[in-house]
């Protein structure tokens, strides 16, 4: 971007990399549990690998272990009860067929067949090298108990530890989320202090200048000032930035840096407003395509849920 009434320089505003690195690392899901020496995969949906758990009983034939579990009447009853609570599209009528098959020693009930026939949501199963059978944590606990009540105790203990750790990390992530907009704030304040504020100004005039620059960023990004937003959202707690999206907070950090540079280059506020608005459009498009931002938002949604 070329600055017409400023010095002929270009700049690409960048979010503080230490903040970005921390956010990115916190958003990477933990994919493994190790219980009594058994490594258990947890997929992106939070489902637990029954295939990995079954290897504890039979490393060569984990699928056979899962089939045996599915032929258990107690398992059939539990799965139907779970799906009744969590899945409005579950086909209850198909369960009679599985109950009959469960009483037949020669019958083979696979996870894939069960899922296809009943439209179950508590289990997923894929064939192939990177496939396997995964289950919701409730169902995985039932499988562990069927396999070994003692192992279930150890599994539950480790799973609870993982959830506690995840909750702690989500809390840290939330703190970082609120800090994003402050990451490059010093660049803007230093520019204001150096190039706009005069030593002869009184406190009120200085305050008005800082408020004017804050309003500038809020207008180009959110379409209104913080005061205007508050009037329109009286019932909401916090301020306009507390309710901003991840993309908006990251762009805000970049705007603070860019605005500081434009002030340094002696650009008037009208020109700065235009250039900052153009930056918002460009970066909003880019951030919406970012996989890292998507991971941040998914983690944030899990925290809210």
Protein backbone atom coordinates (compact mmCIF):
# COMPACT_ATOMS: atom_id res chain seq x y z
CA UNK A 1 0.00 0.00 0.00
CA UNK A 2 1.38 3.44 -0.95
CA UNK A 3 0.76 6.38 1.37
CA UNK A 4 -0.03 9.36 -0.87
CA UNK A 5 0.25 12.23 1.63
CA UNK A 6 2.77 10.48 3.88
CA UNK A 7 6.27 9.27 3.30
CA UNK A 8 6.46 6.78 0.46
CA UNK A 9 6.62 3.65 2.59
CA UNK A 10 4.74 0.39 2.83
CA UNK A 11 3.94 -1.71 5.87
CA UNK A 12 2.34 -5.03 6.64
CA UNK A 13 0.96 -4.91 10.19
CA UNK A 14 1.66 -8.11 12.11
CA UNK A 15 0.11 -9.51 15.26
CA UNK A 16 2.56 -9.94 18.12
CA UNK A 17 4.06 -13.36 17.32
CA UNK A 18 4.42 -14.50 20.93
CA UNK A 19 0.67 -14.06 21.39
CA UNK A 20 -0.03 -15.87 18.11
CA UNK A 21 2.29 -18.75 18.96
CA UNK A 22 0.63 -19.25 22.35
CA UNK A 23 -2.87 -19.14 20.86
CA UNK A 24 -1.95 -21.60 18.15
CA UNK A 25 -0.42 -24.05 20.60
CA UNK A 26 -3.40 -23.87 22.96
CA UNK A 27 -5.77 -24.62 20.09
CA UNK A 28 -4.09 -27.87 19.14
CA UNK A 29 -6.23 -30.62 20.62
CA UNK A 30 -4.65 -33.28 22.81
CA UNK A 31 -4.93 -36.54 20.88
CA UNK A 32 -3.59 -39.22 23.20
CA UNK A 33 -4.38 -40.78 26.54
CA UNK A 34 -2.03 -43.32 28.09
CA UNK A 35 -3.79 -45.64 30.52
CA UNK A 36 -1.87 -48.46 32.17
CA UNK A 37 0.57 -48.49 29.26
CA UNK A 38 -2.16 -48.44 26.60
CA UNK A 39 -2.05 -45.49 24.18
CA UNK A 40 -5.58 -44.35 23.29
CA UNK A 41 -6.38 -41.90 20.48
CA UNK A 42 -8.93 -39.09 20.85
CA UNK A 43 -10.06 -37.63 17.51
CA UNK A 44 -10.91 -34.01 16.69
CA UNK A 45 -14.55 -34.56 17.65
CA UNK A 46 -13.49 -35.75 21.10
CA UNK A 47 -14.47 -39.37 20.38
CA UNK A 48 -12.28 -42.07 21.94
CA UNK A 49 -10.76 -44.96 20.01
CA UNK A 50 -12.37 -48.26 21.03
CA UNK A 51 -9.95 -49.93 18.64
CA UNK A 52 -7.00 -48.76 20.73
CA UNK A 53 -8.69 -49.84 23.96
CA UNK A 54 -9.55 -53.24 22.44
CA UNK A 55 -5.89 -53.84 21.64
CA UNK A 56 -5.35 -54.21 25.36
CA UNK A 57 -7.31 -57.44 25.12
CA UNK A 58 -6.25 -58.54 21.63
CA UNK A 59 -3.59 -56.62 19.75
CA UNK A 60 -4.15 -58.64 16.58
CA UNK A 61 -7.97 -58.73 16.55
CA UNK A 62 -9.32 -55.53 18.18
CA UNK A 63 -12.32 -55.52 15.81
CA UNK A 64 -13.31 -58.96 17.07
CA UNK A 65 -13.26 -57.63 20.64
CA UNK A 66 -15.59 -54.79 19.63
CA UNK A 67 -17.94 -57.22 17.86
CA UNK A 68 -18.13 -59.35 21.00
CA UNK A 69 -19.02 -56.25 23.02
CA UNK A 70 -21.76 -55.36 20.50
CA UNK A 71 -23.27 -58.84 20.85
CA UNK A 72 -23.77 -58.31 24.58
CA UNK A 73 -27.43 -57.67 25.57
CA UNK A 74 -26.32 -55.14 28.16
CA UNK A 75 -24.41 -53.24 25.49
CA UNK A 76 -27.43 -53.21 23.14
CA UNK A 77 -29.65 -51.86 25.91
CA UNK A 78 -27.11 -49.21 26.91
CA UNK A 79 -26.52 -48.01 23.35
CA UNK A 80 -30.27 -47.70 22.75
CA UNK A 81 -30.72 -45.74 25.98
CA UNK A 82 -27.83 -43.41 25.11
CA UNK A 83 -29.07 -42.75 21.57
CA UNK A 84 -32.62 -42.16 22.86
CA UNK A 85 -31.33 -39.28 24.98
CA UNK A 86 -28.88 -37.81 22.45
CA UNK A 87 -30.19 -38.65 18.97
CA UNK A 88 -33.68 -37.75 17.74
CA UNK A 89 -33.04 -39.56 14.43
CA UNK A 90 -32.13 -42.89 16.02
CA UNK A 91 -33.99 -45.86 14.49
CA UNK A 92 -35.28 -47.77 17.51
CA UNK A 93 -37.05 -50.35 15.34
CA UNK A 94 -33.74 -51.78 14.15
CA UNK A 95 -32.67 -52.66 17.69
CA UNK A 96 -34.91 -55.77 17.77
CA UNK A 97 -32.83 -57.21 14.95
CA UNK A 98 -29.62 -56.62 16.90
CA UNK A 99 -31.10 -58.15 20.03
CA UNK A 100 -31.92 -61.31 18.08
CA UNK A 101 -28.43 -61.38 16.57
CA UNK A 102 -26.88 -60.90 19.99
CA UNK A 103 -28.40 -64.21 21.11
CA UNK A 104 -26.91 -66.01 18.12
CA UNK A 105 -23.31 -67.06 18.71
CA UNK A 106 -22.66 -67.19 14.97
CA UNK A 107 -23.95 -63.69 14.28
CA UNK A 108 -21.43 -60.94 13.57
CA UNK A 109 -22.43 -57.45 14.60
CA UNK A 110 -19.93 -54.87 13.38
CA UNK A 111 -19.85 -51.25 14.46
CA UNK A 112 -20.32 -50.12 10.86
CA UNK A 113 -23.43 -52.28 10.43
CA UNK A 114 -24.90 -51.00 13.69
CA UNK A 115 -24.29 -47.36 12.69
CA UNK A 116 -25.70 -47.80 9.17
CA UNK A 117 -28.86 -49.58 10.32
CA UNK A 118 -29.72 -47.35 13.28
CA UNK A 119 -28.25 -43.96 12.27
CA UNK A 120 -26.41 -43.98 15.61
CA UNK A 121 -24.33 -40.93 16.54
CA UNK A 122 -22.49 -42.26 19.57
CA UNK A 123 -20.18 -44.43 17.47
CA UNK A 124 -18.14 -43.82 14.31
CA UNK A 125 -16.28 -46.49 12.38
CA UNK A 126 -14.08 -46.47 9.27
CA UNK A 127 -12.07 -49.15 7.55
CA UNK A 128 -8.51 -48.80 6.38
CA UNK A 129 -5.11 -47.97 7.76
CA UNK A 130 -6.21 -44.75 9.45
CA UNK A 131 -9.68 -45.98 10.35
CA UNK A 132 -11.00 -47.60 13.49
CA UNK A 133 -14.01 -47.43 15.77
CA UNK A 134 -14.46 -44.35 17.94
CA UNK A 135 -17.08 -43.64 20.60
CA UNK A 136 -18.44 -40.84 22.72
CA UNK A 137 -16.78 -40.81 26.16
CA UNK A 138 -19.95 -42.18 27.81
CA UNK A 139 -19.94 -45.20 25.51
CA UNK A 140 -16.17 -45.61 25.77
CA UNK A 141 -16.55 -45.92 29.56
CA UNK A 142 -19.18 -48.62 29.07
CA UNK A 143 -16.79 -50.47 26.75
CA UNK A 144 -13.98 -50.19 29.30
CA UNK A 145 -16.20 -51.59 32.05
CA UNK A 146 -17.21 -54.52 29.85
CA UNK A 147 -13.56 -55.16 29.03
CA UNK A 148 -12.27 -54.75 32.60
CA UNK A 149 -13.87 -52.91 35.52
CA UNK A 150 -10.39 -52.27 36.92
CA UNK A 151 -9.20 -50.77 33.63
CA UNK A 152 -12.31 -48.57 33.55
CA UNK A 153 -11.30 -47.06 36.91
CA UNK A 154 -7.84 -46.19 35.59
CA UNK A 155 -9.28 -44.91 32.32
CA UNK A 156 -11.79 -42.67 34.09
CA UNK A 157 -9.09 -41.25 36.35
CA UNK A 158 -6.85 -40.39 33.39
CA UNK A 159 -9.75 -39.02 31.35
CA UNK A 160 -10.79 -36.72 34.20
CA UNK A 161 -7.20 -35.53 34.50
CA UNK A 162 -7.19 -34.72 30.79
CA UNK A 163 -10.46 -32.79 31.05
CA UNK A 164 -9.15 -30.80 34.01
CA UNK A 165 -6.01 -29.95 32.06
CA UNK A 166 -8.08 -28.99 29.03
CA UNK A 167 -10.29 -26.73 31.15
CA UNK A 168 -7.19 -25.04 32.53
CA UNK A 169 -5.82 -24.51 29.03
CA UNK A 170 -9.14 -23.13 27.84
CA UNK A 171 -9.03 -20.66 30.69
CA UNK A 172 -5.56 -19.56 29.65
CA UNK A 173 -6.70 -19.30 26.07
CA UNK A 174 -9.58 -17.07 27.10
CA UNK A 175 -7.15 -14.79 28.95
CA UNK A 176 -4.98 -14.65 25.84
CA UNK A 177 -8.04 -13.90 23.72
CA UNK A 178 -8.71 -10.79 25.76
CA UNK A 179 -5.08 -9.77 25.54
CA UNK A 180 -4.91 -9.92 21.74
CA UNK A 181 -6.29 -6.41 21.28
CA UNK A 182 -3.65 -5.09 23.68
CA UNK A 183 -0.73 -6.76 21.91
CA UNK A 184 0.22 -3.78 19.73
CA UNK A 185 -1.41 -1.02 21.78
CA UNK A 186 1.97 0.37 22.95
CA UNK A 187 2.92 1.16 19.30
CA UNK A 188 -0.12 3.42 18.97
CA UNK A 189 0.21 5.13 22.36
CA UNK A 190 3.90 5.83 21.80
CA UNK A 191 3.13 7.40 18.42
CA UNK A 192 0.39 9.57 19.96
CA UNK A 193 2.68 10.67 22.79
CA UNK A 194 5.53 11.45 20.40
CA UNK A 195 3.80 13.01 17.40
CA UNK A 196 0.40 14.36 18.54
CA UNK A 197 0.36 15.17 22.25
CA UNK A 198 2.07 18.38 23.26
CA UNK A 199 3.71 18.86 26.67
CA UNK A 200 1.65 22.04 27.08
CA UNK A 201 -1.68 20.17 26.75
CA UNK A 202 -3.82 19.70 29.84
CA UNK A 203 -5.05 16.27 30.96
CA UNK A 204 -8.50 16.70 29.42
CA UNK A 205 -7.11 17.52 25.97
CA UNK A 206 -4.76 14.54 26.14
CA UNK A 207 -7.63 12.28 27.17
CA UNK A 208 -9.74 13.51 24.26
CA UNK A 209 -6.92 12.72 21.80
CA UNK A 210 -6.57 9.16 23.09
CA UNK A 211 -10.36 8.75 22.96
CA UNK A 212 -10.44 10.09 19.42
CA UNK A 213 -7.87 7.53 18.25
CA UNK A 214 -9.71 4.70 20.02
CA UNK A 215 -12.96 5.83 18.38
CA UNK A 216 -11.20 5.85 15.00
CA UNK A 217 -10.24 2.19 15.30
CA UNK A 218 -13.64 1.16 16.64
CA UNK A 219 -15.45 2.94 13.81
CA UNK A 220 -13.42 1.39 11.00
CA UNK A 221 -13.62 -2.09 12.56
CA UNK A 222 -17.00 -2.23 14.32
CA UNK A 223 -18.84 0.60 12.60
CA UNK A 224 -19.43 2.58 15.81
CA UNK A 225 -17.63 4.05 18.82
CA UNK A 226 -17.51 2.29 22.18
CA UNK A 227 -19.99 4.81 23.58
CA UNK A 228 -22.43 4.28 20.70
CA UNK A 229 -22.17 0.50 21.09
CA UNK A 230 -22.94 0.74 24.81
CA UNK A 231 -26.08 2.75 24.16
CA UNK A 232 -27.27 0.10 21.69
CA UNK A 233 -26.39 -2.80 24.01
CA UNK A 234 -27.37 -1.63 27.48
CA UNK A 235 -28.16 -5.14 28.73
CA UNK A 236 -24.77 -6.60 27.72
CA UNK A 237 -21.89 -6.78 30.16
CA UNK A 238 -18.44 -5.53 29.21
CA UNK A 239 -17.48 -3.30 26.32
CA UNK A 240 -17.44 -3.52 22.55
CA UNK A 241 -14.12 -5.37 22.47
CA UNK A 242 -15.28 -7.99 24.97
CA UNK A 243 -17.91 -9.06 22.43
CA UNK A 244 -15.65 -8.96 19.37
CA UNK A 245 -14.90 -12.07 17.30
CA UNK A 246 -11.46 -13.65 17.20
CA UNK A 247 -10.89 -12.19 13.72
CA UNK A 248 -11.88 -8.71 14.86
CA UNK A 249 -9.55 -8.80 17.86
CA UNK A 250 -6.62 -9.89 15.74
CA UNK A 251 -7.34 -7.20 13.16
CA UNK A 252 -7.64 -4.64 15.96
CA UNK A 253 -4.12 -5.50 17.14
CA UNK A 254 -2.86 -4.99 13.60
CA UNK A 255 -4.73 -1.68 13.26
CA UNK A 256 -3.08 -0.37 16.43
CA UNK A 257 0.33 -1.05 14.96
CA UNK A 258 -0.54 0.38 11.55
CA UNK A 259 -2.20 3.48 13.00
CA UNK A 260 0.90 4.15 15.08
CA UNK A 261 3.05 4.07 11.97
CA UNK A 262 0.67 6.32 10.03
CA UNK A 263 0.75 8.83 12.87
CA UNK A 264 4.55 8.66 12.80
CA UNK A 265 4.48 9.43 9.07
CA UNK A 266 2.31 12.49 9.75
CA UNK A 267 -0.85 11.25 8.00
CA UNK A 268 -4.01 13.13 8.92
CA UNK A 269 -6.88 11.25 10.57
CA UNK A 270 -9.09 11.30 7.49
CA UNK A 271 -6.50 9.51 5.37
CA UNK A 272 -5.70 7.12 8.21
CA UNK A 273 -9.39 6.23 8.51
CA UNK A 274 -9.55 5.31 4.81
CA UNK A 275 -6.39 3.21 4.91
CA UNK A 276 -7.38 1.44 8.11
CA UNK A 277 -10.82 0.65 6.66
CA UNK A 278 -9.16 -0.88 3.57
CA UNK A 279 -6.95 -2.96 5.87
CA UNK A 280 -10.00 -4.26 7.74
CA UNK A 281 -11.60 -5.53 4.53
CA UNK A 282 -8.39 -7.23 3.35
CA UNK A 283 -7.55 -8.92 6.64
CA UNK A 284 -11.10 -9.99 7.49
CA UNK A 285 -11.18 -11.98 4.24
CA UNK A 286 -7.80 -13.59 4.97
CA UNK A 287 -8.55 -14.47 8.60
CA UNK A 288 -11.85 -16.12 7.68
CA UNK A 289 -9.83 -18.59 5.57
CA UNK A 290 -7.24 -19.24 8.28
CA UNK A 291 -7.22 -22.77 9.72
CA UNK A 292 -5.46 -21.54 12.86
CA UNK A 293 -8.24 -19.01 13.49
CA UNK A 294 -10.80 -21.76 12.91
CA UNK A 295 -9.15 -23.88 15.61
CA UNK A 296 -9.20 -20.93 18.02
CA UNK A 297 -12.93 -20.40 17.41
CA UNK A 298 -13.72 -24.10 17.85
CA UNK A 299 -11.94 -24.13 21.20
CA UNK A 300 -13.72 -20.95 22.26
CA UNK A 301 -17.09 -22.51 21.34
CA UNK A 302 -16.27 -25.61 23.38
CA UNK A 303 -15.52 -23.38 26.35
CA UNK A 304 -18.89 -21.67 25.99
CA UNK A 305 -20.73 -24.98 25.57
